[in-house]
N, C-alpha and C. Protein backbone atom coordinates (compact mmCIF):
# COMPACT_ATOMS: atom_id res chain seq x y z
N UNK A 1 48.10 86.37 200.09
CA UNK A 1 47.55 87.01 199.05
C UNK A 1 46.11 86.38 199.03
N UNK A 2 44.97 87.35 199.02
CA UNK A 2 43.65 86.75 198.66
C UNK A 2 42.88 87.66 197.45
N UNK A 3 42.06 86.81 196.78
CA UNK A 3 41.49 87.56 195.82
C UNK A 3 40.01 87.32 196.18
N UNK A 4 39.15 88.53 196.18
CA UNK A 4 37.88 88.58 196.50
C UNK A 4 37.03 88.91 195.34
N UNK A 5 35.81 88.08 195.22
CA UNK A 5 35.02 88.68 194.04
C UNK A 5 33.63 88.64 194.57
N UNK A 6 32.93 89.92 194.42
CA UNK A 6 31.64 90.14 194.83
C UNK A 6 30.75 89.80 193.96
N UNK A 7 29.30 89.38 194.27
CA UNK A 7 28.38 89.28 193.42
C UNK A 7 26.88 89.43 194.18
N UNK A 8 25.79 89.56 193.38
CA UNK A 8 24.61 89.66 193.94
C UNK A 8 23.89 90.80 194.11
N UNK A 9 24.73 92.06 193.78
CA UNK A 9 24.01 93.30 193.44
C UNK A 9 23.01 93.59 192.57
N UNK A 10 22.46 94.61 192.55
CA UNK A 10 21.17 94.90 191.41
C UNK A 10 20.36 96.06 191.88
N UNK A 11 19.20 96.06 191.36
CA UNK A 11 18.26 97.08 191.62
C UNK A 11 17.09 96.25 192.25
N UNK A 12 16.63 96.92 193.52
CA UNK A 12 15.41 96.26 194.22
C UNK A 12 14.77 97.45 194.64
N UNK A 13 13.37 97.16 194.72
CA UNK A 13 12.48 98.16 195.21
C UNK A 13 12.63 98.17 196.80
N UNK A 14 12.34 99.41 197.38
CA UNK A 14 12.25 99.54 198.93
C UNK A 14 11.36 98.42 199.58
N UNK A 15 12.02 97.94 200.60
CA UNK A 15 11.25 96.73 201.30
C UNK A 15 11.78 95.40 200.65
N UNK A 16 12.56 95.37 199.51
CA UNK A 16 13.02 94.07 199.11
C UNK A 16 14.24 93.62 199.73
N UNK A 17 14.56 92.57 199.05
CA UNK A 17 15.89 91.89 199.73
C UNK A 17 16.87 91.48 198.64
N UNK A 18 18.09 91.50 198.98
CA UNK A 18 19.13 90.96 198.24
C UNK A 18 20.09 90.10 199.00
N UNK A 19 20.93 89.24 198.56
CA UNK A 19 21.78 88.49 199.12
C UNK A 19 23.22 88.79 198.35
N UNK A 20 24.16 89.12 198.90
CA UNK A 20 25.59 89.52 198.23
C UNK A 20 26.44 88.22 198.67
N UNK A 21 27.20 87.94 197.81
CA UNK A 21 28.24 86.69 198.06
C UNK A 21 29.57 87.40 197.80
N UNK A 22 30.54 86.91 198.49
CA UNK A 22 31.91 87.21 198.24
C UNK A 22 32.63 85.97 198.16
N UNK A 23 33.27 85.41 197.18
CA UNK A 23 34.21 84.35 197.13
C UNK A 23 35.42 84.78 197.13
N UNK A 24 36.32 84.12 197.93
CA UNK A 24 37.63 84.23 198.18
C UNK A 24 38.51 83.12 197.62
N UNK A 25 39.73 83.41 197.23
CA UNK A 25 40.69 82.39 196.77
C UNK A 25 42.09 83.07 197.09
N UNK A 26 42.93 82.04 196.94
CA UNK A 26 44.46 82.46 197.18
C UNK A 26 45.05 82.18 198.43
N UNK A 27 44.38 81.93 199.46
CA UNK A 27 44.81 81.74 200.66
C UNK A 27 43.95 80.97 201.82
N UNK A 28 44.26 80.73 202.74
CA UNK A 28 43.32 80.01 203.88
C UNK A 28 42.21 80.98 204.33
N UNK A 29 40.94 80.91 203.84
CA UNK A 29 39.93 81.66 203.83
C UNK A 29 39.50 81.73 205.47
N UNK A 30 39.58 80.64 206.21
CA UNK A 30 39.02 80.49 207.48
C UNK A 30 39.73 81.32 208.66
N UNK A 31 40.85 81.84 208.27
CA UNK A 31 41.79 82.58 209.25
C UNK A 31 41.43 83.97 209.10
N UNK A 32 40.72 84.40 208.23
CA UNK A 32 40.38 85.72 207.94
C UNK A 32 39.38 86.29 208.71
N UNK A 33 39.40 87.50 209.21
CA UNK A 33 38.13 88.20 209.60
C UNK A 33 37.57 88.91 208.28
N UNK A 34 36.22 88.76 208.22
CA UNK A 34 35.66 89.12 206.82
C UNK A 34 34.52 90.38 207.08
N UNK A 35 34.51 91.10 206.10
CA UNK A 35 33.75 92.35 206.40
C UNK A 35 32.86 92.67 205.13
N UNK A 36 31.73 93.47 205.29
CA UNK A 36 31.14 94.06 204.10
C UNK A 36 31.11 95.60 204.49
N UNK A 37 31.72 96.34 203.39
CA UNK A 37 31.89 97.86 203.52
C UNK A 37 30.78 98.25 202.52
N UNK A 38 30.41 99.73 202.59
CA UNK A 38 29.72 100.10 201.43
C UNK A 38 30.05 101.66 201.26
N UNK A 39 30.00 102.31 200.14
CA UNK A 39 30.23 103.73 199.96
C UNK A 39 29.33 104.21 198.93
N UNK A 40 28.70 105.25 199.51
CA UNK A 40 27.52 105.88 198.65
C UNK A 40 28.30 107.11 197.90
N UNK A 41 27.82 107.67 196.88
CA UNK A 41 28.27 108.67 196.14
C UNK A 41 28.58 110.00 197.16
N UNK A 42 29.74 110.47 197.24
CA UNK A 42 30.08 111.66 198.12
C UNK A 42 30.19 111.31 199.51
N UNK A 43 30.20 109.96 199.64
CA UNK A 43 30.35 109.57 201.18
C UNK A 43 31.41 108.68 201.35
N UNK A 44 32.10 108.71 202.56
CA UNK A 44 33.21 107.72 202.91
C UNK A 44 32.64 106.53 202.95
N UNK A 45 33.77 105.54 202.71
CA UNK A 45 33.26 104.01 202.87
C UNK A 45 33.04 103.60 204.42
N UNK A 46 32.00 103.03 204.58
CA UNK A 46 31.68 102.67 206.01
C UNK A 46 31.34 101.03 206.13
N UNK A 47 31.75 100.72 207.28
CA UNK A 47 31.48 99.31 207.72
C UNK A 47 30.21 99.02 207.91
N UNK A 48 29.55 97.84 207.15
CA UNK A 48 28.37 97.49 207.10
C UNK A 48 28.21 96.43 208.28
N UNK A 49 28.93 95.33 208.11
CA UNK A 49 28.93 94.17 209.10
C UNK A 49 30.17 93.29 208.97
N UNK A 50 30.57 92.67 209.87
CA UNK A 50 31.80 92.00 209.93
C UNK A 50 31.48 90.57 210.85
N UNK A 51 32.44 89.59 210.30
CA UNK A 51 32.12 88.47 210.80
C UNK A 51 33.71 87.99 211.14
N UNK A 52 34.16 87.44 212.35
CA UNK A 52 35.63 87.11 212.73
C UNK A 52 35.72 85.82 212.26
N UNK A 53 36.88 85.16 212.28
CA UNK A 53 37.34 83.95 212.07
C UNK A 53 36.66 82.88 212.88
N UNK A 54 36.36 83.40 214.12
CA UNK A 54 35.56 82.63 215.26
C UNK A 54 34.03 82.82 215.09
N UNK A 55 33.50 83.49 214.14
CA UNK A 55 32.27 83.72 213.77
C UNK A 55 31.54 84.87 214.69
N UNK A 56 32.11 85.58 215.39
CA UNK A 56 31.52 86.71 216.04
C UNK A 56 31.08 87.70 214.93
N UNK A 57 30.37 88.29 215.32
CA UNK A 57 29.54 89.33 214.47
C UNK A 57 29.35 90.78 214.82
N UNK A 58 29.33 91.83 214.03
CA UNK A 58 28.97 93.01 214.55
C UNK A 58 28.41 93.88 213.36
N UNK A 59 27.43 94.87 213.46
CA UNK A 59 26.58 95.48 212.51
C UNK A 59 26.74 96.86 212.90
N UNK A 60 26.55 97.61 211.65
CA UNK A 60 26.40 99.25 211.99
C UNK A 60 24.93 99.29 212.55
N UNK A 61 24.79 100.38 213.19
CA UNK A 61 23.30 100.47 213.86
C UNK A 61 22.44 100.71 212.74
N UNK A 62 22.75 101.32 211.68
CA UNK A 62 21.78 101.61 210.56
C UNK A 62 21.20 100.14 209.89
N UNK A 63 21.95 99.07 210.20
CA UNK A 63 21.49 97.77 209.29
C UNK A 63 20.96 96.73 210.38
N UNK A 64 21.27 97.08 211.72
CA UNK A 64 20.87 96.04 212.63
C UNK A 64 19.58 95.54 212.55
N UNK A 65 19.33 94.11 212.62
CA UNK A 65 17.86 93.75 212.46
C UNK A 65 17.21 93.56 211.05
N UNK A 66 18.20 94.01 210.18
CA UNK A 66 17.85 93.92 208.62
C UNK A 66 18.69 93.24 207.96
N UNK A 67 20.06 93.41 208.31
CA UNK A 67 21.13 92.69 207.72
C UNK A 67 21.78 91.52 208.41
N UNK A 68 22.07 90.50 207.49
CA UNK A 68 22.69 89.29 208.38
C UNK A 68 24.09 88.96 207.67
N UNK A 69 25.25 88.98 208.24
CA UNK A 69 26.48 88.45 207.75
C UNK A 69 26.76 86.87 208.09
N UNK A 70 27.28 86.16 207.19
CA UNK A 70 27.51 84.80 207.67
C UNK A 70 28.57 84.29 206.64
N UNK A 71 29.24 83.24 206.97
CA UNK A 71 30.41 82.71 206.22
C UNK A 71 30.30 81.15 206.17
N UNK A 72 30.87 80.73 204.95
CA UNK A 72 30.79 79.09 204.57
C UNK A 72 32.21 78.97 204.33
N UNK A 73 33.08 78.36 205.46
CA UNK A 73 34.58 78.26 205.23
C UNK A 73 34.67 77.10 204.15
N UNK A 74 33.65 76.12 204.14
CA UNK A 74 33.94 75.03 203.03
C UNK A 74 33.88 75.63 201.67
N UNK A 75 33.08 76.72 201.52
CA UNK A 75 32.96 77.35 200.27
C UNK A 75 33.81 78.52 199.94
N UNK A 76 34.36 78.90 200.96
CA UNK A 76 35.43 79.99 200.86
C UNK A 76 34.53 81.33 200.36
N UNK A 77 33.37 81.57 201.16
CA UNK A 77 32.55 82.52 200.90
C UNK A 77 31.93 83.30 202.00
N UNK A 78 31.73 84.55 202.02
CA UNK A 78 31.04 85.13 202.97
C UNK A 78 29.91 85.78 202.42
N UNK A 79 28.73 85.81 203.01
CA UNK A 79 27.33 86.45 202.50
C UNK A 79 26.86 87.64 203.43
N UNK A 80 26.16 88.41 202.64
CA UNK A 80 25.41 89.26 203.26
C UNK A 80 24.01 89.64 202.95
N UNK A 81 23.02 88.88 203.75
CA UNK A 81 21.81 88.76 203.38
C UNK A 81 20.85 90.24 203.89
N UNK A 82 20.57 91.08 202.95
CA UNK A 82 19.87 92.51 203.20
C UNK A 82 18.27 92.32 202.94
N UNK A 83 17.82 92.54 204.02
CA UNK A 83 16.23 92.47 203.84
C UNK A 83 15.75 94.12 204.34
N UNK A 84 14.52 94.26 203.90
CA UNK A 84 13.95 95.37 204.23
C UNK A 84 14.57 96.56 203.73
N UNK A 85 14.99 96.43 202.55
CA UNK A 85 16.19 97.58 202.13
C UNK A 85 15.37 98.80 201.94
N UNK A 86 16.38 99.89 202.14
CA UNK A 86 15.81 101.30 202.03
C UNK A 86 16.64 102.00 201.13
N UNK A 87 16.11 103.09 200.59
CA UNK A 87 16.75 103.92 199.59
C UNK A 87 18.40 104.41 200.16
N UNK A 88 18.35 104.45 201.32
CA UNK A 88 19.59 105.00 201.74
C UNK A 88 20.72 103.82 201.93
N UNK A 89 20.08 102.64 201.55
CA UNK A 89 21.34 101.56 201.53
C UNK A 89 21.81 101.38 200.19
N UNK A 90 21.48 102.23 199.29
CA UNK A 90 21.95 102.43 198.01
C UNK A 90 23.48 102.86 197.97
N UNK A 91 24.38 101.97 197.44
CA UNK A 91 25.83 102.23 197.38
C UNK A 91 26.46 101.15 196.87
N UNK A 92 27.90 101.24 196.38
CA UNK A 92 28.73 100.04 196.16
C UNK A 92 29.16 99.59 197.36
N UNK A 93 28.91 98.16 197.42
CA UNK A 93 29.20 97.08 198.61
C UNK A 93 30.45 96.52 198.42
N UNK A 94 31.37 96.59 199.34
CA UNK A 94 32.75 95.96 199.05
C UNK A 94 33.00 94.91 200.18
N UNK A 95 33.47 93.90 199.61
CA UNK A 95 33.91 92.76 200.51
C UNK A 95 35.38 93.03 200.99
N UNK A 96 35.71 92.67 202.40
CA UNK A 96 36.95 92.76 202.89
C UNK A 96 37.42 91.71 203.68
N UNK A 97 38.71 91.28 203.50
CA UNK A 97 39.37 90.42 204.26
C UNK A 97 40.58 90.78 204.90
N UNK A 98 40.53 90.60 206.24
CA UNK A 98 41.59 91.05 207.16
C UNK A 98 42.21 90.03 207.94
N UNK A 99 43.59 90.28 208.24
CA UNK A 99 44.14 89.51 209.29
C UNK A 99 45.64 90.31 209.73
N UNK A 100 45.92 89.87 210.87
CA UNK A 100 47.31 90.40 211.28
C UNK A 100 48.42 89.37 211.43
N UNK A 101 49.35 89.62 210.46
CA UNK A 101 50.44 88.53 210.32
C UNK A 101 51.77 89.24 210.61
N UNK A 102 52.32 88.66 211.84
CA UNK A 102 53.64 89.26 212.19
C UNK A 102 53.58 90.69 212.56
N UNK A 103 52.53 91.10 213.13
CA UNK A 103 52.38 92.37 213.60
C UNK A 103 51.77 93.30 212.66
N UNK A 104 51.65 92.91 211.31
CA UNK A 104 51.31 93.75 210.38
C UNK A 104 49.65 93.39 209.89
N UNK A 105 49.00 94.57 209.79
CA UNK A 105 47.59 94.42 209.41
C UNK A 105 47.64 94.23 207.78
N UNK A 106 46.99 93.23 207.26
CA UNK A 106 46.58 92.91 206.01
C UNK A 106 45.39 93.00 205.73
N UNK A 107 45.03 93.74 204.51
CA UNK A 107 43.73 93.98 204.18
C UNK A 107 43.57 93.77 202.54
N UNK A 108 42.62 93.08 202.17
CA UNK A 108 42.29 92.82 200.90
C UNK A 108 40.86 93.14 200.41
N UNK A 109 40.55 93.66 199.36
CA UNK A 109 39.28 94.39 198.86
C UNK A 109 38.93 93.64 197.61
N UNK A 110 37.68 93.36 197.49
CA UNK A 110 37.04 93.11 196.31
C UNK A 110 36.92 94.35 195.41
N UNK A 111 36.17 94.24 194.15
CA UNK A 111 36.04 95.26 193.13
C UNK A 111 34.80 96.06 193.55
N UNK A 112 33.95 95.56 194.35
CA UNK A 112 32.58 96.19 194.60
C UNK A 112 31.42 95.60 193.90
N UNK A 113 30.29 95.70 194.26
CA UNK A 113 29.01 95.43 193.48
C UNK A 113 27.86 96.62 194.02
N UNK A 114 27.35 97.06 192.96
CA UNK A 114 26.48 98.09 193.01
C UNK A 114 25.04 97.52 193.60
N UNK A 115 24.56 98.31 194.45
CA UNK A 115 23.16 98.00 195.10
C UNK A 115 22.43 99.19 195.04
N UNK A 116 21.28 99.29 194.26
CA UNK A 116 20.47 100.54 194.09
C UNK A 116 19.04 99.93 194.56
N UNK A 117 18.61 100.84 195.54
CA UNK A 117 17.28 100.75 196.20
C UNK A 117 16.40 101.71 195.60
N UNK A 118 15.31 101.32 194.96
CA UNK A 118 14.58 102.54 194.22
C UNK A 118 13.55 101.95 193.52
N UNK A 119 12.22 102.85 193.90
CA UNK A 119 11.04 102.45 193.11
C UNK A 119 10.81 102.91 191.75
């Protein structure tokens, strides 16, 4: 079992930056693949960025070159640095921890943090 707690959301002007943090507890953080997802009103939840236990990363095309995901296993924390924010980045951002155990996909979610990009 993993508990996840996001922080760092807020209101920012277009072109600004935010850094989201997701603190994990309850299990061995380093073995989990971590991801940031977002869900805008009326839209499906989508993957924004992910980082594996071996630190490979991938990004949605819409955020490539603007967002950076990283992890600090010593602090049991994953980060999402968001630069050059656009109004279309407005959404609730969720942290996800995932792993496969005995052939079963395990997924854990945080409660989400609101990011609003507006002038």
